[in-house]
């Protein structure tokens, strides 16, 4: 009796989860597409503007924030896709036992759809994360190279040039030899 009750509770909870999982997948797919458009603007205007203004810390903080968001999409969307795959399979397999193929086909369709949508959003997030890492690493590296070049130039300007009078050194050396 307790075993049956716990299985009924588990089945009830999982059936409640399907709708939020589908909405979550749609949200993450929309977020991935939005992030793709944002990344284009980032690459074409934001990163070059921060580079031109030599704002290294702003570049680092913005890059970290944007890369974390892409990584979040990469991890969560496939998990939701897997949940959306497994949740409808339970009722679908139960329907197969009773001979109702239409419920099984609906469950399989939902399972495949959620898998594909989850993977699609995850792939977009993965590609965005990789591209952003490369963009921000290159921009930060370029700023660091400019800082090094400027510090070398500044050091060269501050270093005094001392001319050594070799005739005085030679006369001192010859007088020491004769003495």
Foldseek 3Di string as FASTA:
>chain_A
DVVVVVVVVVLVVLVVVLVVLVVVLVVLLVVLVVLVVVLVCCLPPVLVVCLVVLVLVVLVVVLVVSLVVLVVQLPVLQVSLQSQQPSLCVVLVVVVVVPNNVSVVVSNVSNVVSNVSSVVSNVSSVVSNVVSVVSSVVSSVVSVVVVVVVVVVVVVVPDDDDDDDVVVVVVVVVVVVVD
